[in-house]
Protein backbone atom coordinates (compact mmCIF):
# COMPACT_ATOMS: atom_id res chain seq x y z
CA MET A 1 0.30 -0.08 -0.04
CA LEU A 2 2.68 2.50 -0.35
CA LEU A 3 2.35 5.60 -1.01
CA GLY A 4 -1.68 5.23 -1.17
CA SER A 5 -0.58 4.04 -4.91
CA ARG A 6 -1.37 7.35 -6.44
CA TRP A 7 2.36 8.71 -6.90
CA LEU A 8 4.06 8.99 -10.04
CA LEU A 9 6.69 6.34 -10.23
CA PRO A 10 9.65 8.02 -10.86
CA LEU A 11 9.24 9.67 -7.33
CA LEU A 12 9.04 6.38 -5.59
CA THR A 13 11.99 4.40 -7.12
CA GLY A 14 13.87 3.18 -4.51
CA ILE A 15 11.87 4.59 -0.87
CA CYS A 16 13.01 2.22 0.87
CA LEU A 17 16.94 3.90 0.55
CA MET A 18 15.66 7.32 1.39
CA THR A 19 16.30 9.10 4.53
CA ALA A 20 13.68 9.90 7.43
CA GLN A 21 14.71 11.59 10.57
CA GLY A 22 14.80 9.06 13.35
CA VAL A 23 12.33 9.68 16.20
CA LEU A 24 12.14 7.90 19.33
CA ALA A 25 9.93 4.74 19.74
CA GLN A 26 7.54 5.58 22.43
CA LYS A 27 5.89 2.66 24.22
CA LYS A 28 2.28 2.43 24.15
CA LYS A 29 0.31 1.22 26.64
CA SER A 30 -2.11 -1.49 25.83
CA GLN A 31 -6.12 -1.21 25.75
CA THR A 32 -7.77 -3.20 28.02
CA THR A 33 -10.51 -5.19 25.73
CA THR A 34 -12.68 -7.51 26.51
CA ALA A 35 -13.55 -10.81 24.34
CA SER A 36 -14.94 -9.83 21.02
CA PRO A 37 -18.39 -10.88 20.28
CA SER A 38 -19.53 -12.93 17.13
CA PRO A 39 -18.78 -10.44 13.98
CA ASN A 40 -22.30 -9.78 12.34
CA TYR A 41 -21.54 -9.14 8.83
CA ARG A 42 -24.19 -6.73 7.99
CA ASN A 43 -25.53 -6.15 4.51
CA LEU A 44 -26.18 -2.47 4.78
CA PHE A 45 -26.89 -2.20 1.24
CA ARG A 46 -29.90 -4.76 1.93
CA GLU A 47 -30.99 -2.76 4.81
CA ALA A 48 -31.39 0.36 2.74
CA GLY A 49 -33.90 -1.31 0.73
CA TYR A 50 -31.84 -2.67 -2.12
CA LYS A 51 -32.64 -6.30 -3.72
CA GLN A 52 -30.45 -8.77 -3.04
CA ALA A 53 -30.22 -9.67 -6.76
CA ASP A 54 -28.92 -6.21 -7.28
CA ILE A 55 -26.77 -6.08 -4.79
CA ASP A 56 -25.24 -9.30 -6.14
CA ALA A 57 -25.11 -8.10 -9.57
CA LYS A 58 -23.23 -4.75 -8.24
CA LEU A 59 -20.52 -6.58 -6.53
CA ALA A 60 -19.99 -8.89 -9.76
CA LYS A 61 -20.10 -5.92 -12.04
CA ALA A 62 -17.25 -3.95 -10.07
CA TYR A 63 -15.34 -7.37 -9.84
CA HIS A 64 -15.71 -7.55 -13.57
CA ASP A 65 -14.34 -4.14 -14.23
CA VAL A 66 -11.57 -4.51 -12.05
CA PHE A 67 -9.95 -8.06 -13.11
CA GLU A 68 -11.75 -9.00 -16.28
CA GLY A 69 -12.81 -5.64 -18.49
CA PRO A 70 -11.35 -3.76 -20.69
CA ASN A 71 -9.90 -1.37 -17.88
CA LYS A 72 -8.75 -4.36 -16.12
CA VAL A 73 -5.70 -4.16 -13.29
CA TYR A 74 -5.69 -8.31 -13.47
CA PHE A 75 -3.22 -9.63 -16.02
CA GLU A 76 -2.49 -13.63 -16.40
CA VAL A 77 0.69 -14.57 -17.29
CA GLY A 78 0.68 -18.30 -18.67
CA ASP A 79 -1.03 -21.18 -17.38
CA THR A 80 -0.27 -20.56 -13.32
CA MET A 81 0.43 -16.93 -12.88
CA ALA A 82 -0.94 -13.53 -12.51
CA TYR A 83 -0.30 -10.06 -11.54
CA VAL A 84 -1.96 -7.17 -10.48
CA SER A 85 -0.91 -3.46 -11.96
CA ASP A 86 -1.05 0.24 -11.12
CA VAL A 87 -1.60 0.60 -14.69
CA LYS A 88 -1.17 4.31 -14.62
CA ASN A 89 2.50 3.83 -12.82
CA LYS A 90 2.94 1.31 -15.26
CA ASP A 91 3.97 -1.12 -11.94
CA ALA A 92 2.79 -3.96 -9.88
CA ARG A 93 3.35 -3.54 -6.17
CA THR A 94 2.73 -5.26 -3.05
CA GLU A 95 -0.06 -3.37 -2.12
CA GLY A 96 -1.98 -4.56 -4.79
CA LEU A 97 -0.80 -7.89 -5.45
CA SER A 98 -2.06 -8.81 -1.77
CA TYR A 99 -5.30 -6.70 -2.45
CA GLY A 100 -6.25 -8.49 -5.26
CA MET A 101 -5.28 -12.11 -3.17
CA MET A 102 -7.65 -10.74 -0.43
CA VAL A 103 -10.48 -10.04 -2.55
CA ALA A 104 -9.84 -13.61 -4.54
CA VAL A 105 -10.07 -15.54 -0.96
CA GLN A 106 -12.84 -13.19 0.42
CA LEU A 107 -14.84 -14.13 -3.02
CA ASP A 108 -14.10 -17.61 -3.10
CA LYS A 109 -11.82 -17.38 -6.40
CA LYS A 110 -9.14 -19.96 -5.73
CA ASP A 111 -7.35 -19.43 -9.41
CA VAL A 112 -7.08 -15.87 -9.05
CA PHE A 113 -5.77 -15.91 -5.41
CA ASP A 114 -3.03 -18.75 -6.88
CA ARG A 115 -2.00 -17.23 -9.68
CA ILE A 116 -1.09 -14.21 -7.96
CA TRP A 117 0.81 -15.88 -4.94
CA ARG A 118 3.00 -17.96 -7.69
CA TRP A 119 4.01 -14.58 -9.56
CA SER A 120 4.37 -12.81 -6.03
CA LYS A 121 6.57 -15.51 -4.56
CA LYS A 122 8.59 -15.92 -8.05
CA TYR A 123 9.11 -11.99 -8.77
CA LEU A 124 9.17 -10.31 -5.53
CA GLN A 125 9.62 -12.52 -2.43
CA HIS A 126 13.70 -12.32 -1.55
CA GLN A 127 14.75 -15.81 -1.22
CA SER A 128 18.29 -15.40 0.65
CA GLY A 129 19.44 -12.51 2.38
CA PRO A 130 19.15 -9.89 5.18
CA ARG A 131 15.30 -9.73 3.41
CA GLU A 132 14.58 -13.44 3.42
CA ALA A 133 10.48 -13.83 3.09
CA TYR A 134 10.10 -10.02 2.47
CA PHE A 135 8.98 -8.76 -1.05
CA ALA A 136 10.00 -5.68 -2.84
CA TRP A 137 7.16 -3.56 -2.83
CA SER A 138 7.69 -2.75 -6.59
CA ILE A 139 8.41 -4.18 -10.04
CA ASN A 140 7.83 -3.20 -13.70
CA PRO A 141 5.94 -6.32 -15.00
CA GLN A 142 7.20 -5.93 -18.27
CA THR A 143 11.02 -5.54 -18.02
CA MET A 144 10.83 -7.66 -14.56
CA LYS A 145 12.96 -4.86 -13.34
CA LYS A 146 12.49 -4.04 -9.74
CA ASN A 147 11.67 -0.49 -8.89
CA SER A 148 12.90 -0.82 -5.13
CA GLU A 149 14.32 -4.50 -3.40
CA GLY A 150 12.99 -3.02 -0.20
CA SER A 151 9.29 -3.41 1.39
CA ALA A 152 6.45 -1.42 2.18
CA SER A 153 5.31 -3.47 5.79
CA ASP A 154 1.89 -3.70 4.41
CA GLY A 155 1.92 -5.56 1.83
CA GLU A 156 3.73 -8.05 4.18
CA LEU A 157 0.48 -7.60 6.44
CA TYR A 158 -2.10 -8.35 3.56
CA TYR A 159 -0.03 -11.22 2.53
CA VAL A 160 0.21 -12.98 5.50
CA THR A 161 -3.94 -12.30 6.38
CA SER A 162 -5.13 -13.42 3.08
CA LEU A 163 -2.68 -16.40 2.95
CA LEU A 164 -4.05 -17.75 6.55
CA PHE A 165 -7.32 -17.04 5.51
CA ALA A 166 -6.84 -19.03 2.03
CA ALA A 167 -5.27 -22.00 4.54
CA ASN A 168 -8.62 -21.64 6.45
CA LYS A 169 -10.96 -21.75 3.59
CA TRP A 170 -9.26 -24.08 1.17
CA GLY A 171 -6.86 -26.35 3.34
CA ASN A 172 -3.34 -27.23 2.50
CA ASN A 173 -3.35 -29.62 0.01
CA THR A 174 -4.40 -28.10 -3.11
CA GLY A 175 -1.30 -27.28 -4.68
CA ILE A 176 -0.36 -24.56 -1.93
CA ASN A 177 0.66 -25.09 1.52
CA TYR A 178 -0.98 -21.71 2.37
CA TYR A 179 -0.69 -22.04 6.45
CA GLY A 180 3.42 -22.87 5.35
CA GLU A 181 3.98 -19.81 3.17
CA ALA A 182 2.22 -17.81 6.03
CA ARG A 183 4.50 -19.01 8.73
CA ARG A 184 7.41 -18.25 6.69
CA ILE A 185 6.81 -14.71 6.48
CA LEU A 186 6.19 -14.32 9.96
CA ASP A 187 9.05 -16.75 11.19
CA ALA A 188 11.26 -15.22 9.08
CA MET A 189 10.17 -11.38 10.27
CA TRP A 190 11.19 -12.37 14.08
CA LYS A 191 14.56 -13.15 12.64
CA LYS A 192 14.98 -9.41 11.51
CA ASP A 193 17.17 -7.81 14.23
CA GLY A 194 18.56 -5.18 12.39
CA THR A 195 21.53 -7.59 10.67
CA GLY A 196 21.60 -5.67 7.07
CA ASN A 197 19.51 -2.38 8.50
CA ILE A 198 15.92 -5.05 8.14
CA TYR A 199 13.80 -4.91 10.56
CA ASN A 200 10.57 -6.61 11.90
CA LEU A 201 7.61 -5.21 9.93
CA ILE A 202 6.25 -4.54 13.45
CA ASN A 203 8.35 -1.83 15.49
CA THR A 204 8.36 -4.19 18.81
CA ASP A 205 9.33 -1.44 20.96
CA ALA A 206 6.31 0.73 19.89
CA LYS A 207 3.88 -2.59 19.02
CA GLN A 208 3.04 -0.63 15.49
CA ILE A 209 3.61 -1.68 12.13
CA SER A 210 6.33 -0.03 10.63
CA PHE A 211 6.82 2.30 7.45
CA VAL A 212 9.17 0.49 5.86
CA PRO A 213 10.96 -2.05 7.95
CA GLU A 214 14.44 -0.83 7.09
CA GLY A 215 16.39 2.42 8.37
CA ASN A 216 14.58 5.00 10.05
CA ASN A 217 12.07 4.23 8.12
CA TYR A 218 11.18 1.74 10.69
CA LYS A 219 10.65 4.48 13.44
CA TRP A 220 7.56 6.06 12.11
CA THR A 221 4.71 4.96 10.55
CA ASP A 222 1.50 5.43 8.40
CA PRO A 223 -2.05 5.19 9.87
CA SER A 224 -3.83 3.22 7.24
CA TYR A 225 -1.12 0.11 7.63
CA HIS A 226 -3.22 -0.12 11.19
CA LEU A 227 -5.35 -3.43 10.69
CA PRO A 228 -6.47 -3.83 14.42
CA ALA A 229 -8.59 -6.50 13.21
CA PHE A 230 -6.02 -8.16 10.92
CA TYR A 231 -3.70 -9.09 14.37
CA ASP A 232 -6.82 -10.66 15.85
CA ALA A 233 -6.62 -13.19 13.13
CA TRP A 234 -3.05 -13.73 13.92
CA VAL A 235 -3.95 -14.14 17.00
CA LEU A 236 -6.23 -17.16 16.35
CA TYR A 237 -4.42 -18.68 13.31
CA ALA A 238 -0.93 -17.74 12.89
CA LYS A 239 0.06 -20.19 15.98
CA ASP A 240 3.17 -18.91 15.99
CA GLY A 241 4.06 -18.41 19.32
CA HIS A 242 3.37 -14.88 19.47
CA GLU A 243 0.41 -14.38 19.92
CA ALA A 244 0.38 -11.82 23.18
CA PHE A 245 2.52 -9.62 21.25
CA TYR A 246 -0.26 -9.48 18.39
CA LYS A 247 -2.94 -8.90 20.93
CA GLU A 248 -1.27 -5.88 22.33
CA CYS A 249 -0.20 -4.34 18.82
CA ALA A 250 -4.17 -4.52 18.06
CA ASP A 251 -4.77 -2.73 21.02
CA THR A 252 -1.73 -0.05 20.53
CA SER A 253 -3.48 0.13 17.33
CA ARG A 254 -6.66 1.09 18.31
CA VAL A 255 -5.21 3.53 20.76
CA PHE A 256 -3.12 4.98 18.12
CA LEU A 257 -5.59 5.52 15.96
CA HIS A 258 -7.30 7.80 18.57
CA ARG A 259 -4.62 9.81 18.47
CA ALA A 260 -3.76 10.21 15.23
CA CYS A 261 -7.25 11.11 14.09
CA HIS A 262 -8.17 14.70 14.48
CA PRO A 263 -10.86 15.14 17.53
CA VAL A 264 -13.38 17.37 15.47
CA THR A 265 -13.30 16.44 11.63
CA GLY A 266 -11.80 12.34 12.42
CA LEU A 267 -8.89 13.01 9.61
CA ASN A 268 -5.65 11.57 10.24
CA ALA A 269 -2.35 12.30 8.52
CA ASP A 270 -0.77 10.19 5.86
CA TYR A 271 2.15 9.40 7.62
CA THR A 272 3.14 9.90 11.51
CA GLU A 273 5.22 9.12 14.16
CA PHE A 274 4.21 6.38 16.71
CA SER A 275 3.00 9.24 18.85
CA GLY A 276 -0.01 9.79 15.92
CA LYS A 277 1.83 13.58 14.99
CA PRO A 278 1.92 13.66 11.65
CA HIS A 279 5.33 13.32 9.89
CA ASP A 280 6.22 15.01 6.75
CA THR A 281 8.47 13.63 4.12
CA ARG A 282 10.58 14.34 1.31
CA TRP A 283 7.62 14.15 -1.13
CA SER A 284 4.83 15.88 0.77
CA PRO A 285 3.97 17.55 3.82
CA SER A 286 1.77 15.25 6.08
CA ALA A 287 -1.75 15.73 5.33
CA PHE A 288 -5.06 13.71 5.06
CA ARG A 289 -4.29 12.70 1.33
CA TYR A 290 -4.68 9.11 -0.64
CA ASP A 291 -3.06 6.84 2.07
CA SER A 292 -5.68 7.93 4.25
CA TRP A 293 -8.21 7.15 2.39
CA ARG A 294 -8.25 3.57 4.26
CA VAL A 295 -8.09 4.47 7.44
CA PRO A 296 -12.05 4.83 8.07
CA MET A 297 -12.55 1.56 5.80
CA ASN A 298 -10.22 -0.18 8.64
CA ILE A 299 -11.86 1.15 11.36
CA ALA A 300 -15.01 -0.30 10.22
CA MET A 301 -13.62 -3.49 9.76
CA ASP A 302 -12.39 -3.27 13.36
CA TYR A 303 -15.81 -2.59 14.20
CA THR A 304 -17.16 -5.16 12.41
CA TRP A 305 -14.74 -8.18 12.95
CA SER A 306 -13.64 -7.17 16.43
CA GLY A 307 -15.81 -4.81 18.02
CA LYS A 308 -13.69 -4.32 21.08
CA ASP A 309 -13.60 -0.07 20.77
CA LYS A 310 -17.33 0.78 19.37
CA ALA A 311 -17.88 3.65 21.46
CA TRP A 312 -14.83 5.66 20.02
CA GLN A 313 -15.29 3.98 16.52
CA GLU A 314 -19.26 5.29 16.77
CA ASP A 315 -18.17 8.86 17.81
CA TYR A 316 -15.61 8.75 14.93
CA ALA A 317 -17.81 7.47 12.26
CA LYS A 318 -19.88 10.32 13.13
CA ARG A 319 -17.59 12.87 13.21
CA PHE A 320 -15.98 11.64 9.67
CA GLN A 321 -18.93 11.74 7.98
CA GLY A 322 -20.33 15.03 9.40
CA PHE A 323 -17.64 16.52 8.18
CA LEU A 324 -17.54 15.18 4.73
CA ARG A 325 -21.45 15.94 4.66
CA SER A 326 -20.59 19.48 5.39
CA LYS A 327 -18.05 19.68 2.21
CA GLY A 328 -21.36 18.39 0.40
CA MET A 329 -22.02 14.94 -0.21
CA ASP A 330 -21.06 15.27 -4.14
CA THR A 331 -18.38 17.94 -3.92
CA TYR A 332 -16.19 16.78 -1.00
CA GLU A 333 -12.49 16.79 -2.09
CA ASP A 334 -9.92 13.98 -1.58
CA GLN A 335 -7.42 16.10 0.36
CA PHE A 336 -7.65 17.87 3.29
CA ASN A 337 -5.30 19.66 6.41
CA LEU A 338 -6.21 17.80 9.48
CA ASP A 339 -8.79 20.78 10.20
CA GLY A 340 -10.61 20.48 7.14
CA SER A 341 -8.95 23.13 5.64
CA ARG A 342 -7.90 23.23 2.04
CA PRO A 343 -4.16 22.09 1.40
CA GLU A 344 -1.76 24.70 -0.11
CA PHE A 345 0.46 21.41 -1.17
CA ILE A 346 -1.74 18.94 -3.52
CA LEU A 347 0.07 15.87 -3.90
CA GLN A 348 -0.17 14.77 -7.38
CA ALA A 349 -1.77 11.49 -8.96
CA GLY A 350 -0.20 10.17 -11.65
CA PRO A 351 0.19 12.88 -14.57
CA VAL A 352 -2.52 15.10 -12.41
CA LYS A 353 -2.23 17.55 -10.20
CA LYS A 354 -5.54 18.36 -9.02
CA LEU A 355 -8.23 18.06 -6.04
CA ARG A 356 -11.16 15.70 -6.93
CA HIS A 357 -14.39 13.80 -5.90
CA SER A 358 -12.75 10.64 -5.99
CA ILE A 359 -14.52 7.38 -6.01
CA GLY A 360 -12.16 5.88 -3.42
CA LEU A 361 -13.05 8.10 -1.16
CA VAL A 362 -16.48 7.86 -1.53
CA SER A 363 -16.23 4.22 -1.29
CA THR A 364 -14.52 4.31 1.79
CA ALA A 365 -16.20 6.98 3.84
CA ALA A 366 -19.65 5.14 2.68
CA THR A 367 -18.29 1.74 5.16
CA LEU A 368 -18.51 4.05 8.23
CA SER A 369 -22.47 3.66 7.81
CA LEU A 370 -21.76 0.47 9.44
CA ILE A 371 -20.85 2.01 12.57
CA ASN A 372 -22.83 5.29 12.42
CA LYS A 373 -26.46 4.74 14.46
CA GLU A 374 -27.21 8.01 12.65
CA LYS A 375 -30.32 7.60 10.26
CA ASN A 376 -29.11 10.05 7.79
CA SER A 377 -25.94 7.99 7.34
CA LEU A 378 -27.48 5.89 4.51
CA ASP A 379 -27.13 8.66 2.32
CA PHE A 380 -23.16 7.73 2.00
CA VAL A 381 -24.63 4.18 0.89
CA HIS A 382 -26.93 5.35 -1.27
CA VAL A 383 -24.35 7.55 -3.06
CA LEU A 384 -21.71 4.77 -3.02
CA TRP A 385 -24.43 2.51 -4.92
CA ASN A 386 -25.12 5.43 -7.65
CA ALA A 387 -21.50 6.17 -8.35
CA LYS A 388 -19.54 4.88 -11.48
CA LEU A 389 -15.67 3.18 -11.97
CA GLU A 390 -15.20 5.17 -14.89
CA PRO A 391 -13.19 8.21 -16.16
CA PHE A 392 -13.69 12.00 -15.35
CA GLU A 393 -14.78 14.01 -17.68
CA ASP A 394 -11.47 15.19 -18.13
CA GLY A 395 -10.30 11.37 -19.14
CA TYR A 396 -8.60 10.94 -15.91
CA PHE A 397 -9.22 7.23 -14.65
CA ASP A 398 -7.46 5.08 -11.60
CA PRO A 399 -9.21 2.13 -12.13
CA TYR A 400 -6.43 0.60 -9.59
CA TYR A 401 -6.56 2.50 -6.50
CA ASP A 402 -10.01 3.84 -6.82
CA GLY A 403 -10.95 0.65 -8.27
CA LEU A 404 -9.92 -1.82 -5.38
CA LEU A 405 -11.19 0.84 -3.00
CA TYR A 406 -14.85 0.09 -4.48
CA VAL A 407 -14.42 -3.22 -4.73
CA PHE A 408 -13.56 -3.46 -1.05
CA SER A 409 -16.14 -1.01 0.10
CA LEU A 410 -18.79 -2.96 -1.81
CA MET A 411 -17.92 -5.97 -0.07
CA HIS A 412 -17.85 -4.44 3.37
CA LEU A 413 -21.25 -2.79 2.83
CA SER A 414 -22.84 -6.71 1.46
CA GLY A 415 -21.33 -8.42 3.96
CA LYS A 416 -18.90 -10.29 1.82
CA TYR A 417 -15.74 -9.31 3.69
CA GLN A 418 -15.37 -11.37 6.67
CA MET A 419 -12.79 -13.12 9.06
CA ILE A 420 -12.80 -16.06 7.49
CA LYS A 421 -12.64 -18.96 9.73
CA LEU A 422 -11.02 -22.13 9.97
CA GLN A 423 -13.52 -24.85 8.18
CA SER A 424 -14.46 -27.65 10.28
CA LYS A 425 -13.78 -30.94 8.81
């Protein structure tokens, strides 16, 4: 998920080698939690009055558009492999590849899942050296030249979780030992002690996921990488002896999000210190931009899957949706300062430097209606229902990042994005 995938690739190349100001890792007190209830995977589209046949058709069309249609981002290679590409930036990255695997396991598309995993393992996973079992985050799928050898921590987070879910859904005797592949990443992660400047994906002092598990980039984070519900899945299914640590990470992420999200608008910065304070980078002063779009969706997932921070999350959903509503349901833009004002610096998306009413943010904002108990919250669901994954009038189109967030959000709102439990034999 590195940098929200909207950046011009030349600015991204070699990101893992960049210099960042080191920050002191601040140890967080774990939040006291109770056992999570059984998840309630609501079909909010149905609750909003749409027919099940129409809901199924909308999700099927979205999947077709992103994975199979003329503007697809999924490309098969030979008989056994495939990749997902950020087509406008002409690369494949662990963000999209692992997203594609998560979509595939949730929608029971085993061949798609297996193809993406085989391609990822063959071309991006390091098989030896200090980075062993980690993945190069970006590659040109035409020349097969890696744009960076380093990792983006969220890619591994999604790989591990989707592999664990695949093991639960399909077992490990159908050609790929999914559990074994997930454990290989996790077991290697725990051996990264700074040798070669490579570290654990999770900063073990702060108990927070790192922006990059390398150098000074290990000492700060990206709020959109915080997925406490995924850690809860690791507690249940990783079985690697680190369950207590993963539980602490989940609790710490929830506390972190309280600090990272503005108390009035709910907006968070793309990059922050472990304290939640915005972290500026050499490419952008930190503000609510493309990476940040994922935070509301991640919080909605945690609310549904784990239910351990409901009071704060319900308040957050009201604040966030209330802020966007104040900017106009059909006109709110996609980058803000945390207080809701318009940023002076606009982060460029592909070849375009422009604020937009982007379907990616429209999609993730709608998932908060799973949390927001205000009746008018369904307005966001109706807006998403009527949204079109198609080019803007000026021709700009991002079927990759906008498209994947659109598919994920439709899955969440139709009850089709779940913590996949181990299937009983």
